[in-house]
N, C-alpha and C. Protein backbone atom coordinates (compact mmCIF):
# COMPACT_ATOMS: atom_id res chain seq x y z
N UNK A 1 0.82 -1.19 0.00
CA UNK A 1 0.00 0.00 0.00
C UNK A 1 0.87 1.25 0.00
N UNK A 2 1.95 1.21 0.77
CA UNK A 2 2.84 2.36 0.87
C UNK A 2 3.46 2.66 -0.48
N UNK A 3 3.80 1.60 -1.21
CA UNK A 3 4.44 1.80 -2.51
C UNK A 3 3.47 2.39 -3.52
N UNK A 4 2.20 2.01 -3.42
CA UNK A 4 1.18 2.57 -4.32
C UNK A 4 1.01 4.06 -4.06
N UNK A 5 0.94 4.43 -2.78
CA UNK A 5 0.78 5.84 -2.43
C UNK A 5 1.99 6.63 -2.91
N UNK A 6 3.17 6.10 -2.71
CA UNK A 6 4.39 6.77 -3.16
C UNK A 6 4.39 6.91 -4.67
N UNK A 7 3.98 5.86 -5.37
CA UNK A 7 3.95 5.91 -6.83
C UNK A 7 2.96 6.95 -7.32
N UNK A 8 1.77 6.98 -6.74
CA UNK A 8 0.75 7.94 -7.16
C UNK A 8 1.21 9.37 -6.86
N UNK A 9 1.82 9.57 -5.68
CA UNK A 9 2.33 10.90 -5.35
C UNK A 9 3.42 11.32 -6.32
N UNK A 10 4.33 10.41 -6.64
CA UNK A 10 5.39 10.72 -7.60
C UNK A 10 4.84 11.01 -8.98
N UNK A 11 3.82 10.26 -9.37
CA UNK A 11 3.19 10.48 -10.67
C UNK A 11 2.54 11.86 -10.71
N UNK A 12 1.84 12.22 -9.66
CA UNK A 12 1.18 13.53 -9.61
C UNK A 12 2.20 14.66 -9.64
N UNK A 13 3.26 14.53 -8.86
CA UNK A 13 4.30 15.56 -8.83
C UNK A 13 4.97 15.66 -10.19
N UNK A 14 5.25 14.53 -10.80
CA UNK A 14 5.87 14.55 -12.13
C UNK A 14 4.97 15.20 -13.16
N UNK A 15 3.69 14.93 -13.07
CA UNK A 15 2.76 15.54 -14.02
C UNK A 15 2.71 17.05 -13.82
N UNK A 16 2.62 17.48 -12.55
CA UNK A 16 2.54 18.92 -12.27
C UNK A 16 3.80 19.62 -12.74
N UNK A 17 4.95 19.03 -12.46
CA UNK A 17 6.20 19.68 -12.84
C UNK A 17 6.45 19.62 -14.33
N UNK A 18 5.98 18.57 -14.98
CA UNK A 18 6.26 18.41 -16.39
C UNK A 18 5.13 18.82 -17.31
N UNK A 19 4.00 19.17 -16.76
CA UNK A 19 2.83 19.47 -17.60
C UNK A 19 3.00 20.79 -18.33
N UNK A 20 2.48 20.81 -19.54
CA UNK A 20 2.48 22.04 -20.32
C UNK A 20 1.05 22.57 -20.46
N UNK A 21 0.17 22.10 -19.57
CA UNK A 21 -1.24 22.46 -19.63
C UNK A 21 -1.49 23.88 -19.15
N UNK A 22 -0.55 24.46 -18.44
CA UNK A 22 -0.71 25.85 -18.03
C UNK A 22 -1.14 26.00 -16.59
N UNK A 23 -1.31 27.26 -16.23
CA UNK A 23 -1.61 27.65 -14.86
C UNK A 23 -2.96 27.11 -14.38
N UNK A 24 -3.95 27.08 -15.26
CA UNK A 24 -5.29 26.63 -14.85
C UNK A 24 -5.26 25.17 -14.42
N UNK A 25 -4.58 24.32 -15.17
CA UNK A 25 -4.49 22.91 -14.81
C UNK A 25 -3.71 22.75 -13.51
N UNK A 26 -2.66 23.54 -13.36
CA UNK A 26 -1.86 23.49 -12.13
C UNK A 26 -2.74 23.85 -10.93
N UNK A 27 -3.52 24.91 -11.05
CA UNK A 27 -4.40 25.32 -9.95
C UNK A 27 -5.44 24.24 -9.64
N UNK A 28 -5.97 23.61 -10.69
CA UNK A 28 -6.95 22.54 -10.49
C UNK A 28 -6.31 21.38 -9.72
N UNK A 29 -5.13 20.97 -10.15
CA UNK A 29 -4.43 19.89 -9.46
C UNK A 29 -4.09 20.28 -8.03
N UNK A 30 -3.69 21.51 -7.84
CA UNK A 30 -3.33 21.99 -6.51
C UNK A 30 -4.54 21.95 -5.58
N UNK A 31 -5.70 22.42 -6.07
CA UNK A 31 -6.92 22.38 -5.25
C UNK A 31 -7.30 20.94 -4.91
N UNK A 32 -7.20 20.05 -5.89
CA UNK A 32 -7.54 18.64 -5.66
C UNK A 32 -6.60 18.03 -4.62
N UNK A 33 -5.32 18.32 -4.73
CA UNK A 33 -4.36 17.79 -3.77
C UNK A 33 -4.65 18.32 -2.37
N UNK A 34 -5.01 19.60 -2.27
CA UNK A 34 -5.34 20.16 -0.97
C UNK A 34 -6.58 19.50 -0.37
N UNK A 35 -7.60 19.26 -1.21
CA UNK A 35 -8.81 18.59 -0.74
C UNK A 35 -8.50 17.19 -0.23
N UNK A 36 -7.66 16.47 -0.98
CA UNK A 36 -7.30 15.11 -0.57
C UNK A 36 -6.51 15.15 0.74
N UNK A 37 -5.57 16.08 0.84
CA UNK A 37 -4.75 16.17 2.05
C UNK A 37 -5.58 16.58 3.26
N UNK A 38 -6.60 17.39 3.05
CA UNK A 38 -7.44 17.85 4.16
C UNK A 38 -8.58 16.88 4.48
N UNK A 39 -8.72 15.82 3.72
CA UNK A 39 -9.78 14.85 3.93
C UNK A 39 -9.62 14.19 5.30
N UNK A 40 -10.73 14.03 6.02
CA UNK A 40 -10.65 13.38 7.34
C UNK A 40 -10.08 11.96 7.27
N UNK A 41 -10.41 11.23 6.21
CA UNK A 41 -9.89 9.88 6.07
C UNK A 41 -8.38 9.88 5.91
N UNK A 42 -7.88 10.79 5.08
CA UNK A 42 -6.44 10.90 4.88
C UNK A 42 -5.76 11.34 6.17
N UNK A 43 -6.37 12.27 6.88
CA UNK A 43 -5.81 12.72 8.16
C UNK A 43 -5.75 11.58 9.17
N UNK A 44 -6.80 10.76 9.20
CA UNK A 44 -6.83 9.62 10.11
C UNK A 44 -5.74 8.61 9.77
N UNK A 45 -5.61 8.30 8.46
CA UNK A 45 -4.58 7.36 8.03
C UNK A 45 -3.19 7.91 8.34
N UNK A 46 -3.01 9.21 8.11
CA UNK A 46 -1.71 9.83 8.41
C UNK A 46 -1.41 9.73 9.91
N UNK A 47 -2.42 9.92 10.74
CA UNK A 47 -2.22 9.78 12.18
C UNK A 47 -1.85 8.37 12.57
N UNK A 48 -2.52 7.39 11.97
CA UNK A 48 -2.21 5.99 12.26
C UNK A 48 -0.79 5.64 11.82
N UNK A 49 -0.43 6.09 10.62
CA UNK A 49 0.92 5.81 10.12
C UNK A 49 1.96 6.48 11.01
N UNK A 50 1.68 7.71 11.42
CA UNK A 50 2.60 8.40 12.32
C UNK A 50 2.76 7.68 13.65
N UNK A 51 1.65 7.18 14.19
CA UNK A 51 1.71 6.45 15.46
C UNK A 51 2.49 5.15 15.30
N UNK A 52 2.26 4.44 14.18
CA UNK A 52 3.01 3.21 13.94
C UNK A 52 4.50 3.49 13.79
N UNK A 53 4.83 4.56 13.08
CA UNK A 53 6.25 4.91 12.92
C UNK A 53 6.86 5.26 14.26
N UNK A 54 6.12 5.97 15.09
CA UNK A 54 6.61 6.33 16.42
C UNK A 54 6.83 5.08 17.27
N UNK A 55 5.87 4.16 17.22
CA UNK A 55 6.01 2.92 17.99
C UNK A 55 7.18 2.08 17.49
N UNK A 56 7.35 2.03 16.17
CA UNK A 56 8.48 1.28 15.61
C UNK A 56 9.80 1.93 16.02
N UNK A 57 9.83 3.25 15.99
CA UNK A 57 11.04 3.95 16.42
C UNK A 57 11.35 3.69 17.88
N UNK A 58 10.34 3.68 18.72
CA UNK A 58 10.53 3.41 20.14
C UNK A 58 11.04 1.99 20.34
N UNK A 59 10.50 1.02 19.58
CA UNK A 59 10.94 -0.37 19.70
C UNK A 59 12.40 -0.51 19.29
N UNK A 60 12.78 0.14 18.21
CA UNK A 60 14.18 0.10 17.76
C UNK A 60 15.08 0.75 18.81
N UNK A 61 14.65 1.87 19.35
CA UNK A 61 15.43 2.57 20.38
C UNK A 61 15.61 1.67 21.60
N UNK A 62 14.54 1.03 22.04
CA UNK A 62 14.63 0.16 23.21
C UNK A 62 15.59 -1.00 22.98
N UNK A 63 15.53 -1.60 21.79
CA UNK A 63 16.45 -2.70 21.48
C UNK A 63 17.89 -2.22 21.44
N UNK A 64 18.11 -1.04 20.88
CA UNK A 64 19.47 -0.49 20.80
C UNK A 64 20.00 -0.19 22.19
N UNK A 65 19.17 0.36 23.06
CA UNK A 65 19.59 0.68 24.42
C UNK A 65 19.94 -0.59 25.18
N UNK A 66 19.19 -1.67 24.94
CA UNK A 66 19.48 -2.93 25.62
C UNK A 66 20.84 -3.48 25.21
N UNK A 67 21.24 -3.26 23.97
CA UNK A 67 22.49 -3.82 23.47
C UNK A 67 23.70 -2.91 23.70
N UNK A 68 23.44 -1.63 23.94
CA UNK A 68 24.55 -0.68 24.08
C UNK A 68 24.79 -0.41 25.56
N UNK A 69 26.06 -0.38 25.98
CA UNK A 69 26.36 -0.18 27.39
C UNK A 69 26.36 1.28 27.82
N UNK A 70 25.90 2.19 26.98
CA UNK A 70 25.91 3.61 27.35
C UNK A 70 24.49 4.06 27.62
N UNK A 71 24.35 5.12 28.40
CA UNK A 71 23.03 5.61 28.75
C UNK A 71 22.65 6.83 27.94
N UNK A 72 23.62 7.52 27.36
CA UNK A 72 23.29 8.70 26.57
C UNK A 72 24.44 9.01 25.63
N UNK A 73 24.17 9.87 24.68
CA UNK A 73 25.22 10.32 23.77
C UNK A 73 26.27 11.09 24.55
N UNK A 74 25.82 11.88 25.52
CA UNK A 74 26.76 12.64 26.34
C UNK A 74 27.71 11.69 27.08
N UNK A 75 27.17 10.59 27.60
CA UNK A 75 27.99 9.60 28.28
C UNK A 75 29.01 9.01 27.30
N UNK A 76 28.55 8.67 26.11
CA UNK A 76 29.44 8.09 25.11
C UNK A 76 30.55 9.06 24.72
N UNK A 77 30.18 10.32 24.48
CA UNK A 77 31.17 11.30 24.04
C UNK A 77 32.12 11.71 25.15
N UNK A 78 31.70 11.56 26.40
CA UNK A 78 32.57 11.97 27.50
C UNK A 78 33.57 10.89 27.89
N UNK A 79 33.43 9.69 27.32
CA UNK A 79 34.38 8.62 27.64
C UNK A 79 35.73 8.93 27.00
N UNK A 80 36.79 8.78 27.77
CA UNK A 80 38.12 9.05 27.18
C UNK A 80 38.56 7.90 26.27
N UNK A 81 39.38 8.26 25.28
CA UNK A 81 39.96 7.24 24.41
C UNK A 81 41.04 6.50 25.19
N UNK A 82 41.65 5.49 24.58
CA UNK A 82 42.70 4.72 25.25
C UNK A 82 43.88 5.62 25.59
N UNK A 83 44.26 6.49 24.67
CA UNK A 83 45.39 7.40 24.92
C UNK A 83 45.05 8.37 26.05
N UNK A 84 43.82 8.89 26.03
CA UNK A 84 43.40 9.81 27.08
C UNK A 84 43.35 9.11 28.43
N UNK A 85 42.93 7.85 28.44
CA UNK A 85 42.90 7.09 29.69
C UNK A 85 44.29 6.93 30.26
N UNK A 86 45.26 6.61 29.39
CA UNK A 86 46.64 6.49 29.85
C UNK A 86 47.16 7.81 30.42
N UNK A 87 46.85 8.91 29.74
CA UNK A 87 47.29 10.22 30.20
C UNK A 87 46.65 10.56 31.54
N UNK A 88 45.36 10.28 31.68
CA UNK A 88 44.69 10.54 32.94
C UNK A 88 45.27 9.70 34.07
N UNK A 89 45.57 8.44 33.78
CA UNK A 89 46.18 7.58 34.79
C UNK A 89 47.56 8.09 35.17
N UNK A 90 48.34 8.52 34.19
CA UNK A 90 49.68 9.05 34.46
C UNK A 90 49.58 10.30 35.33
N UNK A 91 48.63 11.21 35.00
CA UNK A 91 48.46 12.42 35.80
C UNK A 91 48.06 12.08 37.23
N UNK A 92 47.16 11.11 37.38
CA UNK A 92 46.74 10.70 38.73
C UNK A 92 47.92 10.13 39.50
N UNK A 93 48.74 9.32 38.82
CA UNK A 93 49.92 8.76 39.47
C UNK A 93 50.90 9.86 39.88
N UNK A 94 51.05 10.86 39.05
CA UNK A 94 51.96 11.96 39.37
C UNK A 94 51.47 12.71 40.60
N UNK A 95 50.17 12.95 40.68
CA UNK A 95 49.60 13.67 41.82
C UNK A 95 49.73 12.84 43.09
N UNK A 96 49.53 11.52 42.98
CA UNK A 96 49.60 10.65 44.15
C UNK A 96 51.04 10.29 44.53
N UNK A 97 51.97 10.60 43.68
CA UNK A 97 53.36 10.27 43.95
C UNK A 97 53.70 8.83 43.66
N UNK A 98 52.90 8.15 42.88
CA UNK A 98 53.15 6.75 42.56
C UNK A 98 53.62 6.56 41.13
N UNK A 99 54.02 7.65 40.48
CA UNK A 99 54.45 7.56 39.09
C UNK A 99 55.78 6.82 39.01
N UNK A 100 56.01 6.08 37.94
CA UNK A 100 57.28 5.37 37.78
C UNK A 100 58.43 6.37 37.62
N UNK A 101 59.60 5.91 37.98
CA UNK A 101 60.79 6.75 37.84
C UNK A 101 61.03 7.06 36.37
N UNK A 102 61.46 8.28 36.05
CA UNK A 102 61.75 8.60 34.65
C UNK A 102 62.93 7.78 34.15
N UNK A 103 62.83 7.37 32.89
CA UNK A 103 63.91 6.59 32.29
C UNK A 103 65.03 7.52 31.85
N UNK A 104 66.25 7.03 31.98
CA UNK A 104 67.40 7.79 31.48
C UNK A 104 68.26 6.83 30.70
N UNK A 105 68.94 7.35 29.73
CA UNK A 105 69.81 6.50 28.94
C UNK A 105 69.55 6.67 27.46
N UNK A 106 70.32 5.93 26.65
CA UNK A 106 70.21 6.10 25.20
C UNK A 106 68.91 5.57 24.60
N UNK A 107 68.21 4.65 25.28
CA UNK A 107 66.98 4.09 24.72
C UNK A 107 65.73 4.87 25.13
N UNK A 108 65.90 6.01 25.75
CA UNK A 108 64.78 6.82 26.22
C UNK A 108 64.06 7.48 25.02
N UNK A 109 62.76 7.38 25.01
CA UNK A 109 61.95 8.03 23.97
C UNK A 109 61.70 9.48 24.39
N UNK A 110 62.02 10.38 23.51
CA UNK A 110 61.77 11.79 23.81
C UNK A 110 60.93 12.37 22.70
């Protein structure tokens, strides 16, 4: 059903954009489209489709949350990378006085 509606909408748009019938035909099509869009039946179907899409989105979100160990995007973005974790650990060790002795010699990385 969705594909039929999409096809008919595409056909109508293509006709309007490609028609050489003039302004009068365009206005007629425009009025007809407005009447169809304002129809209570179309509004009801649009509401049902919107509700189904919302429910499907919620279901997908719930499944994704169950599989992902994060609680929010902010939580995910605030997690340090491996390099940042090492740097934070090194800084904590320096503050606590438990940092390893600095290396000296020809094999030292600088």
